[in-house]
């Protein structure tokens, strides 16, 4: 018989992730920095770079499930909805962030 302190323990580890995603024209780069693990929602630190000049156009923090390019000048940020009692199809569960190019 095992003693309580000898029982197997399950531990979850988090790791820092840096993800780079180009827009369709490859003129801007989205850089995401977040911790991957079992926790939802995720806190994303993001910045958008203008590639020809390497300037940072926009930075910010978004708390949700996912960030991706909507088009060449907008980010689509999926918000965390959590537990829902009844699914509502009309509810938009994302937020649009416009990126303005300084040129």
PDB file of N, CA and C in Angstrom:
ATOM      1  N   UNK A   1       0.834  -1.181   0.000  1.00  0.00           N
ATOM      2  CA  UNK A   1       0.000   0.000   0.000  1.00  0.00           C
ATOM      3  C   UNK A   1       0.885   1.253   0.000  1.00  0.00           C
ATOM      4  N   UNK A   2       0.521   2.216  -0.867  1.00  0.00           N
ATOM      5  CA  UNK A   2       1.309   3.439  -0.988  1.00  0.00           C
ATOM      6  C   UNK A   2       0.962   4.427   0.106  1.00  0.00           C
ATOM      7  N   UNK A   3       1.962   5.137   0.534  1.00  0.00           N
ATOM      8  CA  UNK A   3       1.729   6.233   1.463  1.00  0.00           C
ATOM      9  C   UNK A   3       1.206   7.425   0.666  1.00  0.00           C
ATOM     10  N   UNK A   4       0.408   8.289   1.288  1.00  0.00           N
ATOM     11  CA  UNK A   4      -0.158   9.430   0.565  1.00  0.00           C
ATOM     12  C   UNK A   4       0.891  10.295  -0.133  1.00  0.00           C
ATOM     13  N   UNK A   5       2.074  10.466   0.469  1.00  0.00           N
ATOM     14  CA  UNK A   5       3.077  11.320  -0.158  1.00  0.00           C
ATOM     15  C   UNK A   5       3.753  10.645  -1.353  1.00  0.00           C
ATOM     16  N   UNK A   6       3.549   9.347  -1.529  1.00  0.00           N
ATOM     17  CA  UNK A   6       4.147   8.620  -2.650  1.00  0.00           C
ATOM     18  C   UNK A   6       3.229   8.565  -3.861  1.00  0.00           C
ATOM     19  N   UNK A   7       2.008   9.026  -3.743  1.00  0.00           N
ATOM     20  CA  UNK A   7       1.068   8.960  -4.857  1.00  0.00           C
ATOM     21  C   UNK A   7       1.543   9.834  -6.016  1.00  0.00           C
ATOM     22  N   UNK A   8       1.172   9.427  -7.219  1.00  0.00           N
ATOM     23  CA  UNK A   8       1.563  10.190  -8.408  1.00  0.00           C
ATOM     24  C   UNK A   8       0.851  11.527  -8.442  1.00  0.00           C
ATOM     25  N   UNK A   9       1.601  12.550  -8.795  1.00  0.00           N
ATOM     26  CA  UNK A   9       1.034  13.879  -8.909  1.00  0.00           C
ATOM     27  C   UNK A   9       1.092  14.299 -10.361  1.00  0.00           C
ATOM     28  N   UNK A  10       0.046  14.954 -10.827  1.00  0.00           N
ATOM     29  CA  UNK A  10       0.013  15.477 -12.189  1.00  0.00           C
ATOM     30  C   UNK A  10       0.279  16.967 -12.103  1.00  0.00           C
ATOM     31  N   UNK A  11       1.267  17.420 -12.852  1.00  0.00           N
ATOM     32  CA  UNK A  11       1.579  18.847 -12.871  1.00  0.00           C
ATOM     33  C   UNK A  11       1.513  19.340 -14.313  1.00  0.00           C
ATOM     34  N   UNK A  12       1.045  20.557 -14.473  1.00  0.00           N
ATOM     35  CA  UNK A  12       0.968  21.188 -15.782  1.00  0.00           C
ATOM     36  C   UNK A  12       1.981  22.311 -15.816  1.00  0.00           C
ATOM     37  N   UNK A  13       2.704  22.368 -16.909  1.00  0.00           N
ATOM     38  CA  UNK A  13       3.688  23.436 -17.021  1.00  0.00           C
ATOM     39  C   UNK A  13       3.265  24.414 -18.115  1.00  0.00           C
ATOM     40  N   UNK A  14       3.671  25.643 -17.939  1.00  0.00           N
ATOM     41  CA  UNK A  14       3.411  26.678 -18.925  1.00  0.00           C
ATOM     42  C   UNK A  14       4.718  27.019 -19.596  1.00  0.00           C
ATOM     43  N   UNK A  15       4.650  27.351 -20.872  1.00  0.00           N
ATOM     44  CA  UNK A  15       5.855  27.818 -21.533  1.00  0.00           C
ATOM     45  C   UNK A  15       5.539  29.081 -22.304  1.00  0.00           C
ATOM     46  N   UNK A  16       6.527  29.937 -22.418  1.00  0.00           N
ATOM     47  CA  UNK A  16       6.375  31.180 -23.163  1.00  0.00           C
ATOM     48  C   UNK A  16       6.396  30.871 -24.657  1.00  0.00           C
ATOM     49  N   UNK A  17       5.451  31.433 -25.396  1.00  0.00           N
ATOM     50  CA  UNK A  17       5.362  31.213 -26.838  1.00  0.00           C
ATOM     51  C   UNK A  17       5.461  32.559 -27.539  1.00  0.00           C
ATOM     52  N   UNK A  18       6.273  32.614 -28.584  1.00  0.00           N
ATOM     53  CA  UNK A  18       6.340  33.788 -29.448  1.00  0.00           C
ATOM     54  C   UNK A  18       5.960  33.306 -30.838  1.00  0.00           C
ATOM     55  N   UNK A  19       4.900  33.898 -31.387  1.00  0.00           N
ATOM     56  CA  UNK A  19       4.383  33.476 -32.683  1.00  0.00           C
ATOM     57  C   UNK A  19       4.389  34.674 -33.621  1.00  0.00           C
ATOM     58  N   UNK A  20       4.875  34.488 -34.844  1.00  0.00           N
ATOM     59  CA  UNK A  20       4.911  35.554 -35.840  1.00  0.00           C
ATOM     60  C   UNK A  20       4.016  35.184 -37.008  1.00  0.00           C
ATOM     61  N   UNK A  21       3.100  36.097 -37.369  1.00  0.00           N
ATOM     62  CA  UNK A  21       2.132  35.836 -38.433  1.00  0.00           C
ATOM     63  C   UNK A  21       2.127  37.023 -39.390  1.00  0.00           C
ATOM     64  N   UNK A  22       2.377  36.760 -40.670  1.00  0.00           N
ATOM     65  CA  UNK A  22       2.351  37.803 -41.695  1.00  0.00           C
ATOM     66  C   UNK A  22       0.923  38.037 -42.168  1.00  0.00           C
ATOM     67  N   UNK A  23       0.623  39.287 -42.586  1.00  0.00           N
ATOM     68  CA  UNK A  23      -0.666  39.534 -43.222  1.00  0.00           C
ATOM     69  C   UNK A  23      -0.594  39.003 -44.658  1.00  0.00           C
ATOM     70  N   UNK A  24      -1.702  39.033 -45.402  1.00  0.00           N
ATOM     71  CA  UNK A  24      -1.761  38.439 -46.739  1.00  0.00           C
ATOM     72  C   UNK A  24      -0.773  39.079 -47.710  1.00  0.00           C
ATOM     73  N   UNK A  25      -0.561  40.381 -47.599  1.00  0.00           N
ATOM     74  CA  UNK A  25       0.372  41.083 -48.491  1.00  0.00           C
ATOM     75  C   UNK A  25       1.829  40.943 -48.055  1.00  0.00           C
ATOM     76  N   UNK A  26       2.041  40.370 -46.883  1.00  0.00           N
ATOM     77  CA  UNK A  26       3.371  40.263 -46.270  1.00  0.00           C
ATOM     78  C   UNK A  26       4.018  41.634 -46.060  1.00  0.00           C
ATOM     79  N   UNK A  27       3.172  42.636 -45.834  1.00  0.00           N
ATOM     80  CA  UNK A  27       3.676  43.990 -45.576  1.00  0.00           C
ATOM     81  C   UNK A  27       3.725  44.309 -44.088  1.00  0.00           C
ATOM     82  N   UNK A  28       3.018  43.523 -43.273  1.00  0.00           N
ATOM     83  CA  UNK A  28       3.021  43.704 -41.821  1.00  0.00           C
ATOM     84  C   UNK A  28       3.172  42.352 -41.137  1.00  0.00           C
ATOM     85  N   UNK A  29       3.743  42.403 -39.945  1.00  0.00           N
ATOM     86  CA  UNK A  29       3.984  41.192 -39.169  1.00  0.00           C
ATOM     87  C   UNK A  29       3.350  41.343 -37.792  1.00  0.00           C
ATOM     88  N   UNK A  30       2.529  40.377 -37.424  1.00  0.00           N
ATOM     89  CA  UNK A  30       1.916  40.319 -36.097  1.00  0.00           C
ATOM     90  C   UNK A  30       2.792  39.420 -35.231  1.00  0.00           C
ATOM     91  N   UNK A  31       3.245  39.938 -34.101  1.00  0.00           N
ATOM     92  CA  UNK A  31       4.065  39.167 -33.166  1.00  0.00           C
ATOM     93  C   UNK A  31       3.260  38.984 -31.893  1.00  0.00           C
ATOM     94  N   UNK A  32       2.969  37.730 -31.567  1.00  0.00           N
ATOM     95  CA  UNK A  32       2.208  37.388 -30.363  1.00  0.00           C
ATOM     96  C   UNK A  32       3.151  36.787 -29.329  1.00  0.00           C
ATOM     97  N   UNK A  33       2.990  37.204 -28.084  1.00  0.00           N
ATOM     98  CA  UNK A  33       3.766  36.660 -26.978  1.00  0.00           C
ATOM     99  C   UNK A  33       2.766  36.263 -25.898  1.00  0.00           C
ATOM    100  N   UNK A  34       2.748  34.976 -25.547  1.00  0.00           N
ATOM    101  CA  UNK A  34       1.786  34.495 -24.547  1.00  0.00           C
ATOM    102  C   UNK A  34       2.310  33.224 -23.896  1.00  0.00           C
ATOM    103  N   UNK A  35       1.661  32.827 -22.814  1.00  0.00           N
ATOM    104  CA  UNK A  35       2.007  31.590 -22.124  1.00  0.00           C
ATOM    105  C   UNK A  35       1.031  30.508 -22.540  1.00  0.00           C
ATOM    106  N   UNK A  36       1.572  29.375 -22.996  1.00  0.00           N
ATOM    107  CA  UNK A  36       0.694  28.266 -23.359  1.00  0.00           C
ATOM    108  C   UNK A  36       0.573  27.346 -22.154  1.00  0.00           C
ATOM    109  N   UNK A  37      -0.622  26.910 -21.912  1.00  0.00           N
ATOM    110  CA  UNK A  37      -0.890  26.032 -20.782  1.00  0.00           C
ATOM    111  C   UNK A  37      -2.350  25.624 -20.811  1.00  0.00           C
ATOM    112  N   UNK A  38      -2.849  25.223 -19.695  1.00  0.00           N
ATOM    113  CA  UNK A  38      -4.231  24.749 -19.607  1.00  0.00           C
ATOM    114  C   UNK A  38      -5.214  25.880 -19.303  1.00  0.00           C
ATOM    115  N   UNK A  39      -4.716  27.071 -19.046  1.00  0.00           N
ATOM    116  CA  UNK A  39      -5.593  28.158 -18.631  1.00  0.00           C
ATOM    117  C   UNK A  39      -6.273  28.836 -19.807  1.00  0.00           C
ATOM    118  N   UNK A  40      -7.534  29.136 -19.663  1.00  0.00           N
ATOM    119  CA  UNK A  40      -8.309  29.940 -20.609  1.00  0.00           C
ATOM    120  C   UNK A  40      -8.939  31.048 -19.807  1.00  0.00           C
ATOM    121  N   UNK A  41      -9.012  32.237 -20.213  1.00  0.00           N
ATOM    122  CA  UNK A  41      -8.503  32.790 -21.461  1.00  0.00           C
ATOM    123  C   UNK A  41      -6.998  33.021 -21.413  1.00  0.00           C
ATOM    124  N   UNK A  42      -6.424  33.326 -22.585  1.00  0.00           N
ATOM    125  CA  UNK A  42      -4.996  33.565 -22.724  1.00  0.00           C
ATOM    126  C   UNK A  42      -4.760  35.077 -22.757  1.00  0.00           C
ATOM    127  N   UNK A  43      -3.701  35.534 -22.107  1.00  0.00           N
ATOM    128  CA  UNK A  43      -3.316  36.944 -22.177  1.00  0.00           C
ATOM    129  C   UNK A  43      -2.266  37.084 -23.279  1.00  0.00           C
ATOM    130  N   UNK A  44      -2.664  37.733 -24.380  1.00  0.00           N
ATOM    131  CA  UNK A  44      -1.770  37.948 -25.513  1.00  0.00           C
ATOM    132  C   UNK A  44      -1.154  39.341 -25.418  1.00  0.00           C
ATOM    133  N   UNK A  45       0.155  39.435 -25.474  1.00  0.00           N
ATOM    134  CA  UNK A  45       0.846  40.701 -25.690  1.00  0.00           C
ATOM    135  C   UNK A  45       1.157  40.713 -27.181  1.00  0.00           C
ATOM    136  N   UNK A  46       0.665  41.714 -27.887  1.00  0.00           N
ATOM    137  CA  UNK A  46       0.872  41.715 -29.336  1.00  0.00           C
ATOM    138  C   UNK A  46       1.509  43.012 -29.792  1.00  0.00           C
ATOM    139  N   UNK A  47       2.199  42.911 -30.932  1.00  0.00           N
ATOM    140  CA  UNK A  47       2.698  44.101 -31.612  1.00  0.00           C
ATOM    141  C   UNK A  47       2.648  43.839 -33.109  1.00  0.00           C
ATOM    142  N   UNK A  48       2.407  44.896 -33.855  1.00  0.00           N
ATOM    143  CA  UNK A  48       2.343  44.822 -35.308  1.00  0.00           C
ATOM    144  C   UNK A  48       3.478  45.680 -35.854  1.00  0.00           C
ATOM    145  N   UNK A  49       4.288  45.071 -36.732  1.00  0.00           N
ATOM    146  CA  UNK A  49       5.425  45.766 -37.334  1.00  0.00           C
ATOM    147  C   UNK A  49       5.162  46.018 -38.810  1.00  0.00           C
ATOM    148  N   UNK A  50       5.542  47.212 -39.276  1.00  0.00           N
ATOM    149  CA  UNK A  50       5.543  47.531 -40.693  1.00  0.00           C
ATOM    150  C   UNK A  50       6.851  46.976 -41.241  1.00  0.00           C
ATOM    151  N   UNK A  51       6.789  46.022 -42.177  1.00  0.00           N
ATOM    152  CA  UNK A  51       8.006  45.322 -42.587  1.00  0.00           C
ATOM    153  C   UNK A  51       9.008  46.163 -43.371  1.00  0.00           C
ATOM    154  N   UNK A  52       8.589  46.995 -44.320  1.00  0.00           N
ATOM    155  CA  UNK A  52       9.636  47.758 -45.014  1.00  0.00           C
ATOM    156  C   UNK A  52      10.462  48.633 -44.062  1.00  0.00           C
ATOM    157  N   UNK A  53       9.826  49.273 -43.100  1.00  0.00           N
ATOM    158  CA  UNK A  53      10.545  50.191 -42.204  1.00  0.00           C
ATOM    159  C   UNK A  53      10.941  49.546 -40.872  1.00  0.00           C
ATOM    160  N   UNK A  54      10.408  48.366 -40.565  1.00  0.00           N
ATOM    161  CA  UNK A  54      10.640  47.671 -39.281  1.00  0.00           C
ATOM    162  C   UNK A  54      10.131  48.466 -38.082  1.00  0.00           C
ATOM    163  N   UNK A  55       9.219  49.423 -38.318  1.00  0.00           N
ATOM    164  CA  UNK A  55       8.648  50.213 -37.226  1.00  0.00           C
ATOM    165  C   UNK A  55       7.484  49.472 -36.580  1.00  0.00           C
ATOM    166  N   UNK A  56       7.336  49.674 -35.261  1.00  0.00           N
ATOM    167  CA  UNK A  56       6.182  49.116 -34.555  1.00  0.00           C
ATOM    168  C   UNK A  56       5.009  50.065 -34.779  1.00  0.00           C
ATOM    169  N   UNK A  57       3.936  49.539 -35.379  1.00  0.00           N
ATOM    170  CA  UNK A  57       2.756  50.352 -35.681  1.00  0.00           C
ATOM    171  C   UNK A  57       1.772  50.339 -34.518  1.00  0.00           C
ATOM    172  N   UNK A  58       1.593  49.176 -33.908  1.00  0.00           N
ATOM    173  CA  UNK A  58       0.600  49.040 -32.836  1.00  0.00           C
ATOM    174  C   UNK A  58       1.084  48.001 -31.837  1.00  0.00           C
ATOM    175  N   UNK A  59       0.823  48.262 -30.560  1.00  0.00           N
ATOM    176  CA  UNK A  59       1.095  47.286 -29.504  1.00  0.00           C
ATOM    177  C   UNK A  59      -0.106  47.258 -28.581  1.00  0.00           C
ATOM    178  N   UNK A  60      -0.253  46.173 -27.866  1.00  0.00           N
ATOM    179  CA  UNK A  60      -1.359  46.099 -26.920  1.00  0.00           C
ATOM    180  C   UNK A  60      -1.427  44.746 -26.236  1.00  0.00           C
ATOM    181  N   UNK A  61      -2.451  44.611 -25.416  1.00  0.00           N
ATOM    182  CA  UNK A  61      -2.726  43.375 -24.691  1.00  0.00           C
ATOM    183  C   UNK A  61      -4.175  43.004 -24.967  1.00  0.00           C
ATOM    184  N   UNK A  62      -4.402  41.733 -25.293  1.00  0.00           N
ATOM    185  CA  UNK A  62      -5.758  41.231 -25.510  1.00  0.00           C
ATOM    186  C   UNK A  62      -5.912  39.947 -24.715  1.00  0.00           C
ATOM    187  N   UNK A  63      -7.023  39.826 -24.001  1.00  0.00           N
ATOM    188  CA  UNK A  63      -7.311  38.616 -23.231  1.00  0.00           C
ATOM    189  C   UNK A  63      -8.445  37.883 -23.933  1.00  0.00           C
ATOM    190  N   UNK A  64      -8.165  36.687 -24.405  1.00  0.00           N
ATOM    191  CA  UNK A  64      -9.157  35.910 -25.148  1.00  0.00           C
ATOM    192  C   UNK A  64      -8.602  34.559 -25.545  1.00  0.00           C
ATOM    193  N   UNK A  65      -9.122  34.017 -26.680  1.00  0.00           N
ATOM    194  CA  UNK A  65      -8.728  32.684 -27.118  1.00  0.00           C
ATOM    195  C   UNK A  65      -7.743  32.670 -28.275  1.00  0.00           C
ATOM    196  N   UNK A  66      -7.834  33.690 -29.170  1.00  0.00           N
ATOM    197  CA  UNK A  66      -7.054  33.625 -30.398  1.00  0.00           C
ATOM    198  C   UNK A  66      -6.990  34.999 -31.053  1.00  0.00           C
ATOM    199  N   UNK A  67      -5.876  35.288 -31.750  1.00  0.00           N
ATOM    200  CA  UNK A  67      -5.749  36.497 -32.566  1.00  0.00           C
ATOM    201  C   UNK A  67      -5.243  36.068 -33.934  1.00  0.00           C
ATOM    202  N   UNK A  68      -5.866  36.601 -34.982  1.00  0.00           N
ATOM    203  CA  UNK A  68      -5.422  36.311 -36.342  1.00  0.00           C
ATOM    204  C   UNK A  68      -5.694  37.530 -37.222  1.00  0.00           C
ATOM    205  N   UNK A  69      -5.129  37.540 -38.425  1.00  0.00           N
ATOM    206  CA  UNK A  69      -5.397  38.615 -39.369  1.00  0.00           C
ATOM    207  C   UNK A  69      -6.794  38.443 -39.949  1.00  0.00           C
ATOM    208  N   UNK A  70      -7.581  39.512 -39.978  1.00  0.00           N
ATOM    209  CA  UNK A  70      -8.887  39.506 -40.652  1.00  0.00           C
ATOM    210  C   UNK A  70      -8.678  39.874 -42.120  1.00  0.00           C
ATOM    211  N   UNK A  71      -7.913  40.942 -42.341  1.00  0.00           N
ATOM    212  CA  UNK A  71      -7.519  41.361 -43.685  1.00  0.00           C
ATOM    213  C   UNK A  71      -6.132  41.993 -43.556  1.00  0.00           C
ATOM    214  N   UNK A  72      -5.713  42.777 -44.519  1.00  0.00           N
ATOM    215  CA  UNK A  72      -4.353  43.337 -44.477  1.00  0.00           C
ATOM    216  C   UNK A  72      -4.160  44.429 -43.432  1.00  0.00           C
ATOM    217  N   UNK A  73      -5.258  44.997 -42.916  1.00  0.00           N
ATOM    218  CA  UNK A  73      -5.119  46.109 -41.962  1.00  0.00           C
ATOM    219  C   UNK A  73      -5.935  45.919 -40.682  1.00  0.00           C
ATOM    220  N   UNK A  74      -6.431  44.704 -40.417  1.00  0.00           N
ATOM    221  CA  UNK A  74      -7.258  44.471 -39.227  1.00  0.00           C
ATOM    222  C   UNK A  74      -6.933  43.122 -38.595  1.00  0.00           C
ATOM    223  N   UNK A  75      -7.004  43.109 -37.263  1.00  0.00           N
ATOM    224  CA  UNK A  75      -6.846  41.867 -36.512  1.00  0.00           C
ATOM    225  C   UNK A  75      -8.206  41.400 -36.020  1.00  0.00           C
ATOM    226  N   UNK A  76      -8.425  40.098 -36.042  1.00  0.00           N
ATOM    227  CA  UNK A  76      -9.652  39.505 -35.508  1.00  0.00           C
ATOM    228  C   UNK A  76      -9.264  38.813 -34.201  1.00  0.00           C
ATOM    229  N   UNK A  77      -9.819  39.300 -33.098  1.00  0.00           N
ATOM    230  CA  UNK A  77      -9.469  38.813 -31.763  1.00  0.00           C
ATOM    231  C   UNK A  77     -10.673  38.091 -31.166  1.00  0.00           C
ATOM    232  N   UNK A  78     -10.537  36.810 -30.948  1.00  0.00           N
ATOM    233  CA  UNK A  78     -11.634  35.993 -30.421  1.00  0.00           C
ATOM    234  C   UNK A  78     -11.690  36.104 -28.908  1.00  0.00           C
ATOM    235  N   UNK A  79     -12.828  36.553 -28.407  1.00  0.00           N
ATOM    236  CA  UNK A  79     -13.006  36.720 -26.970  1.00  0.00           C
ATOM    237  C   UNK A  79     -13.368  35.393 -26.322  1.00  0.00           C
ATOM    238  N   UNK A  80     -13.024  35.269 -25.062  1.00  0.00           N
ATOM    239  CA  UNK A  80     -13.351  34.062 -24.294  1.00  0.00           C
ATOM    240  C   UNK A  80     -14.781  34.176 -23.788  1.00  0.00           C
ATOM    241  N   UNK A  81     -15.609  33.197 -24.121  1.00  0.00           N
ATOM    242  CA  UNK A  81     -17.013  33.263 -23.701  1.00  0.00           C
ATOM    243  C   UNK A  81     -17.281  32.450 -22.449  1.00  0.00           C
ATOM    244  N   UNK A  82     -16.421  31.518 -22.114  1.00  0.00           N
ATOM    245  CA  UNK A  82     -16.628  30.720 -20.909  1.00  0.00           C
ATOM    246  C   UNK A  82     -17.783  29.754 -21.066  1.00  0.00           C
ATOM    247  N   UNK A  83     -18.394  29.409 -19.973  1.00  0.00           N
ATOM    248  CA  UNK A  83     -19.522  28.486 -20.006  1.00  0.00           C
ATOM    249  C   UNK A  83     -20.788  29.226 -20.396  1.00  0.00           C
ATOM    250  N   UNK A  84     -21.480  28.681 -21.366  1.00  0.00           N
ATOM    251  CA  UNK A  84     -22.716  29.304 -21.837  1.00  0.00           C
ATOM    252  C   UNK A  84     -23.857  28.315 -21.606  1.00  0.00           C
ATOM    253  N   UNK A  85     -24.942  28.819 -21.032  1.00  0.00           N
ATOM    254  CA  UNK A  85     -26.083  27.939 -20.803  1.00  0.00           C
ATOM    255  C   UNK A  85     -26.808  27.625 -22.103  1.00  0.00           C
ATOM    256  N   UNK A  86     -26.987  28.643 -22.936  1.00  0.00           N
ATOM    257  CA  UNK A  86     -27.696  28.455 -24.195  1.00  0.00           C
ATOM    258  C   UNK A  86     -26.894  29.169 -25.273  1.00  0.00           C
ATOM    259  N   UNK A  87     -26.586  28.462 -26.341  1.00  0.00           N
ATOM    260  CA  UNK A  87     -25.789  29.054 -27.405  1.00  0.00           C
ATOM    261  C   UNK A  87     -26.624  30.053 -28.191  1.00  0.00           C
ATOM    262  N   UNK A  88     -26.090  31.250 -28.345  1.00  0.00           N
ATOM    263  CA  UNK A  88     -26.768  32.310 -29.084  1.00  0.00           C
ATOM    264  C   UNK A  88     -26.012  32.533 -30.385  1.00  0.00           C
ATOM    265  N   UNK A  89     -26.613  32.167 -31.517  1.00  0.00           N
ATOM    266  CA  UNK A  89     -25.945  32.257 -32.814  1.00  0.00           C
ATOM    267  C   UNK A  89     -25.726  33.697 -33.253  1.00  0.00           C
ATOM    268  N   UNK A  90     -26.510  34.636 -32.762  1.00  0.00           N
ATOM    269  CA  UNK A  90     -26.384  36.022 -33.192  1.00  0.00           C
ATOM    270  C   UNK A  90     -25.266  36.768 -32.460  1.00  0.00           C
ATOM    271  N   UNK A  91     -24.716  36.172 -31.428  1.00  0.00           N
ATOM    272  CA  UNK A  91     -23.686  36.821 -30.624  1.00  0.00           C
ATOM    273  C   UNK A  91     -22.337  36.730 -31.324  1.00  0.00           C
ATOM    274  N   UNK A  92     -21.716  37.881 -31.583  1.00  0.00           N
ATOM    275  CA  UNK A  92     -20.365  37.901 -32.145  1.00  0.00           C
ATOM    276  C   UNK A  92     -19.383  37.726 -30.999  1.00  0.00           C
ATOM    277  N   UNK A  93     -18.520  36.741 -31.138  1.00  0.00           N
ATOM    278  CA  UNK A  93     -17.573  36.479 -30.055  1.00  0.00           C
ATOM    279  C   UNK A  93     -16.159  36.901 -30.437  1.00  0.00           C
ATOM    280  N   UNK A  94     -16.054  37.954 -31.235  1.00  0.00           N
ATOM    281  CA  UNK A  94     -14.741  38.476 -31.567  1.00  0.00           C
ATOM    282  C   UNK A  94     -14.768  39.993 -31.623  1.00  0.00           C
ATOM    283  N   UNK A  95     -13.567  40.562 -31.597  1.00  0.00           N
ATOM    284  CA  UNK A  95     -13.388  42.007 -31.614  1.00  0.00           C
ATOM    285  C   UNK A  95     -12.423  42.327 -32.758  1.00  0.00           C
ATOM    286  N   UNK A  96     -12.661  43.402 -33.477  1.00  0.00           N
ATOM    287  CA  UNK A  96     -11.798  43.811 -34.584  1.00  0.00           C
ATOM    288  C   UNK A  96     -10.893  44.953 -34.109  1.00  0.00           C
ATOM    289  N   UNK A  97      -9.602  44.814 -34.345  1.00  0.00           N
ATOM    290  CA  UNK A  97      -8.637  45.874 -34.044  1.00  0.00           C
ATOM    291  C   UNK A  97      -8.082  46.377 -35.362  1.00  0.00           C
ATOM    292  N   UNK A  98      -8.305  47.649 -35.673  1.00  0.00           N
ATOM    293  CA  UNK A  98      -7.821  48.262 -36.920  1.00  0.00           C
ATOM    294  C   UNK A  98      -6.358  48.681 -36.739  1.00  0.00           C
ATOM    295  N   UNK A  99      -5.576  48.413 -37.752  1.00  0.00           N
ATOM    296  CA  UNK A  99      -4.174  48.805 -37.775  1.00  0.00           C
ATOM    297  C   UNK A  99      -4.044  49.931 -38.787  1.00  0.00           C
ATOM    298  N   UNK A 100      -3.553  51.087 -38.369  1.00  0.00           N
ATOM    299  CA  UNK A 100      -3.359  52.193 -39.300  1.00  0.00           C
ATOM    300  C   UNK A 100      -1.881  52.307 -39.617  1.00  0.00           C
ATOM    301  N   UNK A 101      -1.587  52.258 -40.890  1.00  0.00           N
ATOM    302  CA  UNK A 101      -0.210  52.374 -41.356  1.00  0.00           C
ATOM    303  C   UNK A 101       0.202  53.836 -41.343  1.00  0.00           C
ATOM    304  N   UNK A 102       1.357  54.187 -40.789  1.00  0.00           N
ATOM    305  CA  UNK A 102       1.732  55.591 -40.649  1.00  0.00           C
ATOM    306  C   UNK A 102       2.002  56.300 -41.989  1.00  0.00           C
ATOM    307  N   UNK A 103       2.081  55.554 -43.086  1.00  0.00           N
ATOM    308  CA  UNK A 103       2.377  56.165 -44.384  1.00  0.00           C
ATOM    309  C   UNK A 103       1.198  56.907 -44.949  1.00  0.00           C
TER     310      UNK A 103
END
